[in-house]
C-alpha atoms as a PDB file:
ATOM      1  CA  MET A   1     120.620  92.546 103.999  1.00  0.00           C
ATOM      2  CA  SER A   2     119.023  89.131 103.475  1.00  0.00           C
ATOM      3  CA  GLU A   3     115.335  88.655 102.733  1.00  0.00           C
ATOM      4  CA  PHE A   4     114.747  87.371 106.261  1.00  0.00           C
ATOM      5  CA  ASP A   5     116.587  90.316 107.816  1.00  0.00           C
ATOM      6  CA  LEU A   6     114.564  92.760 105.693  1.00  0.00           C
ATOM      7  CA  ILE A   7     111.267  91.172 106.745  1.00  0.00           C
ATOM      8  CA  SER A   8     112.321  91.051 110.390  1.00  0.00           C
ATOM      9  CA  ARG A   9     113.451  94.690 110.412  1.00  0.00           C
ATOM     10  CA  TYR A  10     110.566  96.330 108.568  1.00  0.00           C
ATOM     11  CA  PHE A  11     107.561  94.023 108.528  1.00  0.00           C
ATOM     12  CA  SER A  12     107.517  91.790 111.613  1.00  0.00           C
ATOM     13  CA  GLY A  13     105.411  92.117 114.731  1.00  0.00           C
ATOM     14  CA  PHE A  14     102.289  93.528 113.093  1.00  0.00           C
ATOM     15  CA  ASP A  15     100.299  90.304 112.656  1.00  0.00           C
ATOM     16  CA  ARG A  16      97.783  91.174 115.402  1.00  0.00           C
ATOM     17  CA  ASP A  17      95.361  88.322 116.131  1.00  0.00           C
ATOM     18  CA  ALA A  18      96.642  85.789 113.585  1.00  0.00           C
ATOM     19  CA  LEU A  19      97.054  82.305 115.044  1.00  0.00           C
ATOM     20  CA  VAL A  20     100.270  81.985 113.003  1.00  0.00           C
ATOM     21  CA  GLY A  21     101.710  85.088 111.355  1.00  0.00           C
ATOM     22  CA  VAL A  22     104.944  86.334 109.779  1.00  0.00           C
ATOM     23  CA  GLY A  23     107.840  83.891 110.065  1.00  0.00           C
ATOM     24  CA  ASP A  24     106.222  80.585 109.108  1.00  0.00           C
ATOM     25  CA  ASP A  25     105.515  79.022 105.716  1.00  0.00           C
ATOM     26  CA  ALA A  26     101.916  80.259 105.761  1.00  0.00           C
ATOM     27  CA  ALA A  27      99.610  82.258 107.992  1.00  0.00           C
ATOM     28  CA  VAL A  28      96.752  80.815 110.028  1.00  0.00           C
ATOM     29  CA  VAL A  29      93.762  83.005 110.859  1.00  0.00           C
ATOM     30  CA  LYS A  30      90.408  82.382 112.461  1.00  0.00           C
ATOM     31  CA  PRO A  31      87.398  84.491 111.428  1.00  0.00           C
ATOM     32  CA  GLY A  32      84.679  85.379 113.881  1.00  0.00           C
ATOM     33  CA  PRO A  33      81.672  83.079 114.316  1.00  0.00           C
ATOM     34  CA  ASP A  34      79.280  83.077 111.346  1.00  0.00           C
ATOM     35  CA  LYS A  35      81.517  85.510 109.437  1.00  0.00           C
ATOM     36  CA  ARG A  36      82.261  85.338 105.723  1.00  0.00           C
ATOM     37  CA  LEU A  37      85.818  85.987 104.553  1.00  0.00           C
ATOM     38  CA  VAL A  38      86.201  88.674 101.869  1.00  0.00           C
ATOM     39  CA  VAL A  39      89.496  88.741  99.898  1.00  0.00           C
ATOM     40  CA  ALA A  40      90.876  91.468  97.600  1.00  0.00           C
ATOM     41  CA  THR A  41      94.195  91.743  95.732  1.00  0.00           C
ATOM     42  CA  ASP A  42      95.809  94.686  93.954  1.00  0.00           C
ATOM     43  CA  THR A  43      99.221  95.229  92.380  1.00  0.00           C
ATOM     44  CA  LEU A  44     100.906  98.624  91.989  1.00  0.00           C
ATOM     45  CA  ILE A  45     103.840  98.928  89.553  1.00  0.00           C
ATOM     46  CA  GLU A  46     106.210 101.888  89.370  1.00  0.00           C
ATOM     47  CA  GLY A  47     105.698 103.843  86.168  1.00  0.00           C
ATOM     48  CA  VAL A  48     102.295 102.260  85.588  1.00  0.00           C
ATOM     49  CA  HIS A  49     100.256 102.969  88.726  1.00  0.00           C
ATOM     50  CA  PHE A  50     102.410 105.699  90.270  1.00  0.00           C
ATOM     51  CA  PRO A  51     105.211 107.991  88.990  1.00  0.00           C
ATOM     52  CA  ALA A  52     108.787 106.926  89.664  1.00  0.00           C
ATOM     53  CA  ASP A  53     109.359 109.932  91.943  1.00  0.00           C
ATOM     54  CA  THR A  54     106.384 109.220  94.198  1.00  0.00           C
ATOM     55  CA  PRO A  55     107.436 109.423  97.876  1.00  0.00           C
ATOM     56  CA  ALA A  56     107.918 106.064  99.588  1.00  0.00           C
ATOM     57  CA  ASP A  57     105.330 106.814 102.282  1.00  0.00           C
ATOM     58  CA  SER A  58     102.711 107.527  99.618  1.00  0.00           C
ATOM     59  CA  VAL A  59     103.484 104.243  97.848  1.00  0.00           C
ATOM     60  CA  GLY A  60     103.027 102.332 101.114  1.00  0.00           C
ATOM     61  CA  PHE A  61      99.843 104.211 101.992  1.00  0.00           C
ATOM     62  CA  ARG A  62      98.255 103.836  98.554  1.00  0.00           C
ATOM     63  CA  ALA A  63      99.133 100.153  98.214  1.00  0.00           C
ATOM     64  CA  LEU A  64      97.082  99.280 101.283  1.00  0.00           C
ATOM     65  CA  ALA A  65      94.412 101.955 100.772  1.00  0.00           C
ATOM     66  CA  VAL A  66      93.283 100.615  97.389  1.00  0.00           C
ATOM     67  CA  ASN A  67      92.746  97.178  98.897  1.00  0.00           C
ATOM     68  CA  LEU A  68      90.861  98.605 101.869  1.00  0.00           C
ATOM     69  CA  SER A  69      88.624 100.410  99.375  1.00  0.00           C
ATOM     70  CA  ASP A  70      87.808  97.103  97.697  1.00  0.00           C
ATOM     71  CA  LEU A  71      86.860  95.585 101.060  1.00  0.00           C
ATOM     72  CA  ALA A  72      84.774  98.673 101.841  1.00  0.00           C
ATOM     73  CA  ALA A  73      82.841  98.238  98.589  1.00  0.00           C
ATOM     74  CA  MET A  74      81.899  94.747  99.803  1.00  0.00           C
ATOM     75  CA  GLY A  75      80.804  96.038 103.213  1.00  0.00           C
ATOM     76  CA  ALA A  76      83.599  94.083 104.928  1.00  0.00           C
ATOM     77  CA  THR A  77      85.628  94.899 108.028  1.00  0.00           C
ATOM     78  CA  PRO A  78      89.407  94.657 107.331  1.00  0.00           C
ATOM     79  CA  ARG A  79      91.257  92.032 109.403  1.00  0.00           C
ATOM     80  CA  TRP A  80      94.524  90.898 107.787  1.00  0.00           C
ATOM     81  CA  PHE A  81      96.736  91.457 104.757  1.00  0.00           C
ATOM     82  CA  THR A  82      99.770  89.992 102.998  1.00  0.00           C
ATOM     83  CA  LEU A  83     102.500  91.914 101.180  1.00  0.00           C
ATOM     84  CA  ALA A  84     104.584  90.864  98.167  1.00  0.00           C
ATOM     85  CA  LEU A  85     107.297  93.476  97.604  1.00  0.00           C
ATOM     86  CA  THR A  86     109.623  93.554  94.587  1.00  0.00           C
ATOM     87  CA  LEU A  87     112.580  95.946  94.928  1.00  0.00           C
ATOM     88  CA  PRO A  88     115.172  96.919  92.300  1.00  0.00           C
ATOM     89  CA  GLU A  89     117.770  97.410  95.057  1.00  0.00           C
ATOM     90  CA  GLU A  90     118.074  97.654  98.813  1.00  0.00           C
ATOM     91  CA  ASN A  91     117.272 101.190  99.977  1.00  0.00           C
ATOM     92  CA  THR A  92     116.865 101.532 103.730  1.00  0.00           C
ATOM     93  CA  ILE A  93     115.580 105.121 103.579  1.00  0.00           C
ATOM     94  CA  TRP A  94     112.879 104.123 101.071  1.00  0.00           C
ATOM     95  CA  LEU A  95     111.968 101.041 103.117  1.00  0.00           C
ATOM     96  CA  GLU A  96     111.628 103.100 106.290  1.00  0.00           C
ATOM     97  CA  GLY A  97     109.173 105.513 104.669  1.00  0.00           C
ATOM     98  CA  PHE A  98     107.242 102.788 102.876  1.00  0.00           C
ATOM     99  CA  SER A  99     106.884 100.458 105.861  1.00  0.00           C
ATOM    100  CA  GLN A 100     106.027 103.176 108.392  1.00  0.00           C
ATOM    101  CA  ALA A 101     103.206 104.616 106.259  1.00  0.00           C
ATOM    102  CA  LEU A 102     101.895 101.130 105.518  1.00  0.00           C
ATOM    103  CA  ILE A 103     101.813 100.131 109.180  1.00  0.00           C
ATOM    104  CA  ARG A 104     100.299 103.447 110.309  1.00  0.00           C
ATOM    105  CA  LEU A 105      97.367 102.965 107.947  1.00  0.00           C
ATOM    106  CA  ALA A 106      97.042  99.332 109.022  1.00  0.00           C
ATOM    107  CA  ASP A 107      96.928 100.426 112.671  1.00  0.00           C
ATOM    108  CA  ARG A 108      94.181 102.947 111.909  1.00  0.00           C
ATOM    109  CA  PHE A 109      91.897 100.183 110.684  1.00  0.00           C
ATOM    110  CA  GLY A 110      93.099  97.401 112.980  1.00  0.00           C
ATOM    111  CA  ILE A 111      94.362  95.204 110.142  1.00  0.00           C
ATOM    112  CA  GLY A 112      97.349  92.909 110.698  1.00  0.00           C
ATOM    113  CA  LEU A 113     100.237  92.033 108.348  1.00  0.00           C
ATOM    114  CA  ILE A 114     100.374  88.228 108.404  1.00  0.00           C
ATOM    115  CA  GLY A 115     102.799  87.263 105.621  1.00  0.00           C
ATOM    116  CA  GLY A 116     104.117  87.837 102.127  1.00  0.00           C
ATOM    117  CA  ASP A 117     107.304  87.744 100.083  1.00  0.00           C
ATOM    118  CA  THR A 118     110.193  89.913  98.918  1.00  0.00           C
ATOM    119  CA  THR A 119     112.174  89.605  95.688  1.00  0.00           C
ATOM    120  CA  ARG A 120     114.452  91.602  93.360  1.00  0.00           C
ATOM    121  CA  GLY A 121     113.166  93.331  90.215  1.00  0.00           C
ATOM    122  CA  GLN A 122     111.166  96.337  89.028  1.00  0.00           C
ATOM    123  CA  LEU A 123     109.493  98.088  91.944  1.00  0.00           C
ATOM    124  CA  SER A 124     106.045  96.618  92.491  1.00  0.00           C
ATOM    125  CA  ILE A 125     103.780  96.000  95.450  1.00  0.00           C
ATOM    126  CA  THR A 126     101.064  93.360  95.641  1.00  0.00           C
ATOM    127  CA  ILE A 127      98.762  93.323  98.652  1.00  0.00           C
ATOM    128  CA  THR A 128      96.059  90.800  99.422  1.00  0.00           C
ATOM    129  CA  ALA A 129      93.616  92.107 102.018  1.00  0.00           C
ATOM    130  CA  ILE A 130      91.246  89.871 103.947  1.00  0.00           C
ATOM    131  CA  GLY A 131      88.118  91.109 105.678  1.00  0.00           C
ATOM    132  CA  GLU A 132      85.032  89.601 107.227  1.00  0.00           C
ATOM    133  CA  ALA A 133      81.342  90.381 107.132  1.00  0.00           C
ATOM    134  CA  ASP A 134      78.013  88.950 108.275  1.00  0.00           C
ATOM    135  CA  GLN A 135      76.746  89.535 104.761  1.00  0.00           C
ATOM    136  CA  VAL A 136      78.383  91.136 101.737  1.00  0.00           C
ATOM    137  CA  LEU A 137      77.560  93.803  99.204  1.00  0.00           C
ATOM    138  CA  THR A 138      78.137  92.868  95.575  1.00  0.00           C
ATOM    139  CA  ARG A 139      77.873  94.551  92.188  1.00  0.00           C
ATOM    140  CA  SER A 140      74.968  92.335  91.172  1.00  0.00           C
ATOM    141  CA  GLY A 141      72.278  93.428  93.616  1.00  0.00           C
ATOM    142  CA  ALA A 142      71.082  96.703  92.073  1.00  0.00           C
ATOM    143  CA  LYS A 143      67.392  96.920  91.146  1.00  0.00           C
ATOM    144  CA  PRO A 144      65.349  99.172  88.848  1.00  0.00           C
ATOM    145  CA  GLY A 145      64.303 102.249  90.804  1.00  0.00           C
ATOM    146  CA  ASP A 146      67.326 102.262  93.114  1.00  0.00           C
ATOM    147  CA  LYS A 147      68.929 105.627  93.795  1.00  0.00           C
ATOM    148  CA  LEU A 148      72.601 106.042  92.914  1.00  0.00           C
ATOM    149  CA  TRP A 149      74.806 107.518  95.633  1.00  0.00           C
ATOM    150  CA  ILE A 150      78.489 108.393  95.367  1.00  0.00           C
ATOM    151  CA  GLY A 151      80.870 108.570  98.334  1.00  0.00           C
ATOM    152  CA  GLY A 152      83.676 111.088  97.971  1.00  0.00           C
ATOM    153  CA  TYR A 153      84.532 113.148  94.906  1.00  0.00           C
ATOM    154  CA  PRO A 154      85.362 111.167  91.746  1.00  0.00           C
ATOM    155  CA  GLY A 155      88.148 112.663  89.675  1.00  0.00           C
ATOM    156  CA  GLU A 156      90.155 114.242  92.489  1.00  0.00           C
ATOM    157  CA  ALA A 157      92.899 111.617  92.459  1.00  0.00           C
ATOM    158  CA  ALA A 158      93.134 111.748  88.654  1.00  0.00           C
ATOM    159  CA  GLY A 159      93.326 115.523  88.937  1.00  0.00           C
ATOM    160  CA  GLY A 160      96.094 115.133  91.487  1.00  0.00           C
ATOM    161  CA  LEU A 161      98.095 112.932  89.134  1.00  0.00           C
ATOM    162  CA  THR A 162      97.723 115.565  86.406  1.00  0.00           C
ATOM    163  CA  CYS A 163      98.900 118.219  88.884  1.00  0.00           C
ATOM    164  CA  TRP A 164     101.868 116.125  90.085  1.00  0.00           C
ATOM    165  CA  ALA A 165     104.334 117.918  87.807  1.00  0.00           C
ATOM    166  CA  ARG A 166     103.093 121.262  89.222  1.00  0.00           C
ATOM    167  CA  ARG A 167     103.124 120.173  92.864  1.00  0.00           C
ATOM    168  CA  HIS A 168     105.677 122.820  93.866  1.00  0.00           C
ATOM    169  CA  GLU A 169     103.368 125.665  92.853  1.00  0.00           C
ATOM    170  CA  SER A 170     101.756 127.622  95.652  1.00  0.00           C
ATOM    171  CA  SER A 171      98.149 127.009  94.569  1.00  0.00           C
ATOM    172  CA  ALA A 172      96.167 125.503  97.444  1.00  0.00           C
ATOM    173  CA  GLU A 173      93.940 123.655  94.975  1.00  0.00           C
ATOM    174  CA  ILE A 174      96.902 122.000  93.255  1.00  0.00           C
ATOM    175  CA  GLN A 175      98.310 120.922  96.617  1.00  0.00           C
ATOM    176  CA  ARG A 176      94.916 119.554  97.731  1.00  0.00           C
ATOM    177  CA  LEU A 177      94.505 117.473  94.587  1.00  0.00           C
ATOM    178  CA  VAL A 178      98.072 116.150  94.812  1.00  0.00           C
ATOM    179  CA  GLU A 179      97.360 115.065  98.403  1.00  0.00           C
ATOM    180  CA  ARG A 180      94.233 113.261  97.224  1.00  0.00           C
ATOM    181  CA  PHE A 181      96.346 111.347  94.704  1.00  0.00           C
ATOM    182  CA  LEU A 182      99.164 110.552  97.135  1.00  0.00           C
ATOM    183  CA  TYR A 183      96.972 109.584 100.100  1.00  0.00           C
ATOM    184  CA  PRO A 184      93.535 108.361  98.957  1.00  0.00           C
ATOM    185  CA  GLU A 185      91.167 107.824 101.866  1.00  0.00           C
ATOM    186  CA  PRO A 186      89.559 104.348 101.938  1.00  0.00           C
ATOM    187  CA  GLN A 187      85.897 104.681 102.915  1.00  0.00           C
ATOM    188  CA  VAL A 188      85.805 101.693 105.215  1.00  0.00           C
ATOM    189  CA  SER A 189      83.238 103.091 107.647  1.00  0.00           C
ATOM    190  CA  LEU A 190      80.901 104.090 104.796  1.00  0.00           C
ATOM    191  CA  GLY A 191      81.061 100.600 103.326  1.00  0.00           C
ATOM    192  CA  TYR A 192      80.334  99.071 106.717  1.00  0.00           C
ATOM    193  CA  ASP A 193      77.340 101.399 107.244  1.00  0.00           C
ATOM    194  CA  LEU A 194      75.959 100.607 103.787  1.00  0.00           C
ATOM    195  CA  ASN A 195      76.172  96.846 104.252  1.00  0.00           C
ATOM    196  CA  ARG A 196      72.571  96.520 105.413  1.00  0.00           C
ATOM    197  CA  ARG A 197      71.234  99.586 103.612  1.00  0.00           C
ATOM    198  CA  ALA A 198      72.382  99.338  99.986  1.00  0.00           C
ATOM    199  CA  ASN A 199      71.459  96.713  97.407  1.00  0.00           C
ATOM    200  CA  ALA A 200      74.786  96.911  95.537  1.00  0.00           C
ATOM    201  CA  ALA A 201      78.113  98.733  95.628  1.00  0.00           C
ATOM    202  CA  ILE A 202      81.316  99.116  93.634  1.00  0.00           C
ATOM    203  CA  ASP A 203      84.687 100.728  94.267  1.00  0.00           C
ATOM    204  CA  VAL A 204      85.142 103.585  91.796  1.00  0.00           C
ATOM    205  CA  SER A 205      88.735 103.040  90.677  1.00  0.00           C
ATOM    206  CA  ASP A 206      88.448 103.117  86.876  1.00  0.00           C
ATOM    207  CA  GLY A 207      86.220 106.209  86.669  1.00  0.00           C
ATOM    208  CA  LEU A 208      82.556 106.821  87.484  1.00  0.00           C
ATOM    209  CA  VAL A 209      81.155 106.053  84.019  1.00  0.00           C
ATOM    210  CA  ALA A 210      83.195 102.868  83.555  1.00  0.00           C
ATOM    211  CA  ASP A 211      82.471 101.473  87.013  1.00  0.00           C
ATOM    212  CA  LEU A 212      78.780 102.377  86.860  1.00  0.00           C
ATOM    213  CA  ALA A 213      78.620 100.372  83.631  1.00  0.00           C
ATOM    214  CA  HIS A 214      80.228  97.407  85.449  1.00  0.00           C
ATOM    215  CA  LEU A 215      77.622  97.642  88.221  1.00  0.00           C
ATOM    216  CA  CYS A 216      74.724  97.853  85.765  1.00  0.00           C
ATOM    217  CA  SER A 217      76.070  94.942  83.741  1.00  0.00           C
ATOM    218  CA  ALA A 218      76.491  92.760  86.833  1.00  0.00           C
ATOM    219  CA  SER A 219      72.986  93.658  88.031  1.00  0.00           C
ATOM    220  CA  GLN A 220      71.422  93.326  84.564  1.00  0.00           C
ATOM    221  CA  CYS A 221      69.696  96.666  84.857  1.00  0.00           C
ATOM    222  CA  GLY A 222      70.515 100.282  84.101  1.00  0.00           C
END
């Protein structure tokens, strides 16, 4: 299957309201009036960011979810994304699972796939997500006296990764943590609600203590 056939079969027709989407040399999009564009990029590499035996649908879900989480931390509404996919070999079963999970999550949040690239090599996925907002949250707006609030439960995904080797055990807690690792829930609606309420925000991806330190450093307070 050629690169163009692969793109046409698995990743075309999901560009939503792009003026020019998949199939041209570049995408053309138009943000809403008085909106600011917010852009986030993440790369996931097999063996580094997820185990080699991770299901294809989880890889597709997580690749987009981590970028949606970055947009959420900025208080942005997701609009579009691009996908750069590196594959060691053509595997139609893997591509079916990966692409279907990716598009299902995109449909949930109304975000369109507007372009990207495919190449041959070690399995890796790079997604650039684009959102828009009237105003944005940043890491640098925290002030002395602010209260610290945490959305979700830090450590569950890390716990799920630790439990991955025991995923076939019958323990409900092990299964719950594994699900949290495989399918992390981006808190898009929370980020949107906090946009005009919070002074600062950060996506907790490196651990609560580490990311809190980043927020304090950016805001020059603690």
